[in-house]
Amino acid sequence: MEKWTQEQYADRLKEMKQEAHDKMWLYIEVNARELMTDSEPGTKNLNAACKGMLASMLEGDTFVTEPKVRSRIAGTLTIRYYVDNLSPERRTWAAVNQA
């Protein structure tokens, strides 16, 4: 079986965010290792999982556990995604935090 791409992880996160939004939840917390294990059981693809998670961060989303490494690629990466506003107009986390 072929490993998932960063885009596939980002798409999976978009689905998870929409499900949580439909349930009227305020946020979801996603851990990189758990996301990878749930999406690709038995596969080690942490790099794509973490990059997909980071790319999916929007303005207001926060790190619950931010790895000490500069790349933030680690199984401990845990992000709180706020799902009350899934508007496409929301800026990405990276664009907001460039300064």
Protein backbone atom coordinates (compact mmCIF):
# COMPACT_ATOMS: atom_id res chain seq x y z
CA MET A 1 0.00 0.00 0.00
CA GLU A 2 1.28 3.44 -0.93
CA LYS A 3 1.95 5.94 1.85
CA TRP A 4 -0.36 8.91 2.26
CA THR A 5 0.76 12.34 1.06
CA GLN A 6 0.69 15.57 3.04
CA GLU A 7 -2.37 16.57 0.98
CA GLN A 8 -4.23 13.37 1.93
CA TYR A 9 -3.60 14.11 5.60
CA ALA A 10 -4.79 17.70 5.10
CA ASP A 11 -7.95 16.37 3.41
CA ARG A 12 -8.55 13.92 6.28
CA LEU A 13 -8.19 16.78 8.77
CA LYS A 14 -10.67 18.86 6.76
CA GLU A 15 -13.17 15.99 7.02
CA MET A 16 -12.56 15.66 10.76
CA LYS A 17 -13.01 19.41 11.25
CA GLN A 18 -16.27 19.38 9.27
CA GLU A 19 -17.62 16.42 11.30
CA ALA A 20 -16.82 18.25 14.54
CA HIS A 21 -18.38 21.46 13.20
CA ASP A 22 -21.57 19.57 12.28
CA LYS A 23 -21.72 18.26 15.88
CA MET A 24 -21.49 21.91 17.07
CA TRP A 25 -18.14 21.31 18.81
CA LEU A 26 -15.89 24.30 19.49
CA TYR A 27 -12.60 22.53 18.71
CA ILE A 28 -10.84 19.20 18.17
CA GLU A 29 -7.38 18.19 19.37
CA VAL A 30 -5.36 16.04 17.01
CA ASN A 31 -2.12 14.21 17.82
CA ALA A 32 0.25 13.39 14.95
CA ARG A 33 1.02 9.81 16.00
CA GLU A 34 -2.69 9.01 16.56
CA LEU A 35 -3.69 10.59 13.23
CA MET A 36 -1.03 8.57 11.41
CA THR A 37 -2.02 5.32 13.17
CA ASP A 38 -5.75 5.86 12.52
CA SER A 39 -5.22 6.82 8.88
CA GLU A 40 -2.46 4.37 7.97
CA PRO A 41 -2.30 1.47 10.45
CA GLY A 42 1.12 -0.16 10.52
CA THR A 43 2.80 2.60 8.52
CA LYS A 44 5.48 5.03 9.64
CA ASN A 45 4.69 8.26 7.82
CA LEU A 46 5.11 10.89 10.51
CA ASN A 47 6.67 13.48 8.19
CA ALA A 48 3.60 13.68 5.92
CA ALA A 49 1.19 13.56 8.88
CA CYS A 50 2.90 16.45 10.69
CA LYS A 51 3.26 18.56 7.56
CA GLY A 52 -0.42 18.02 6.73
CA MET A 53 -1.38 19.03 10.27
CA LEU A 54 0.77 22.16 10.19
CA ALA A 55 -0.55 23.14 6.76
CA SER A 56 -4.13 22.77 8.06
CA MET A 57 -3.65 25.25 10.89
CA LEU A 58 -5.75 28.40 10.60
CA GLU A 59 -5.69 31.69 12.47
CA GLY A 60 -6.55 31.01 16.11
CA ASP A 61 -5.53 27.34 16.12
CA THR A 62 -2.98 26.53 18.81
CA PHE A 63 -0.35 23.99 19.76
CA VAL A 64 -1.31 21.78 22.70
CA THR A 65 2.08 20.07 22.50
CA GLU A 66 4.70 21.72 20.30
CA PRO A 67 7.78 19.56 19.66
CA LYS A 68 11.13 21.09 20.62
CA VAL A 69 12.60 20.47 17.16
CA ARG A 70 12.46 23.41 14.75
CA SER A 71 10.67 21.41 12.05
CA ARG A 72 7.92 20.44 14.52
CA ILE A 73 7.97 16.93 12.99
CA ALA A 74 7.39 14.58 15.93
CA GLY A 75 4.82 12.10 17.18
CA THR A 76 4.08 14.36 20.14
CA LEU A 77 2.78 17.18 17.89
CA THR A 78 -0.73 17.95 19.11
CA ILE A 79 -2.81 20.78 17.67
CA ARG A 80 -6.13 22.26 18.77
CA TYR A 81 -8.15 23.15 15.68
CA TYR A 82 -11.09 25.47 16.29
CA VAL A 83 -14.02 24.31 14.19
CA ASP A 84 -16.68 26.89 15.09
CA ASN A 85 -15.66 28.97 12.04
CA LEU A 86 -14.61 26.99 8.98
CA SER A 87 -14.88 29.99 6.63
CA PRO A 88 -12.46 29.82 3.70
CA GLU A 89 -11.66 33.50 4.40
CA ARG A 90 -9.79 32.58 7.60
CA ARG A 91 -6.08 33.21 7.25
CA THR A 92 -3.61 30.37 7.71
CA TRP A 93 -1.70 30.12 10.98
CA ALA A 94 1.59 30.48 9.08
CA ALA A 95 0.48 33.75 7.41
CA VAL A 96 -0.60 35.24 10.76
CA ASN A 97 2.56 34.21 12.63
CA GLN A 98 5.21 35.24 10.09
CA ALA A 99 6.07 38.48 11.90
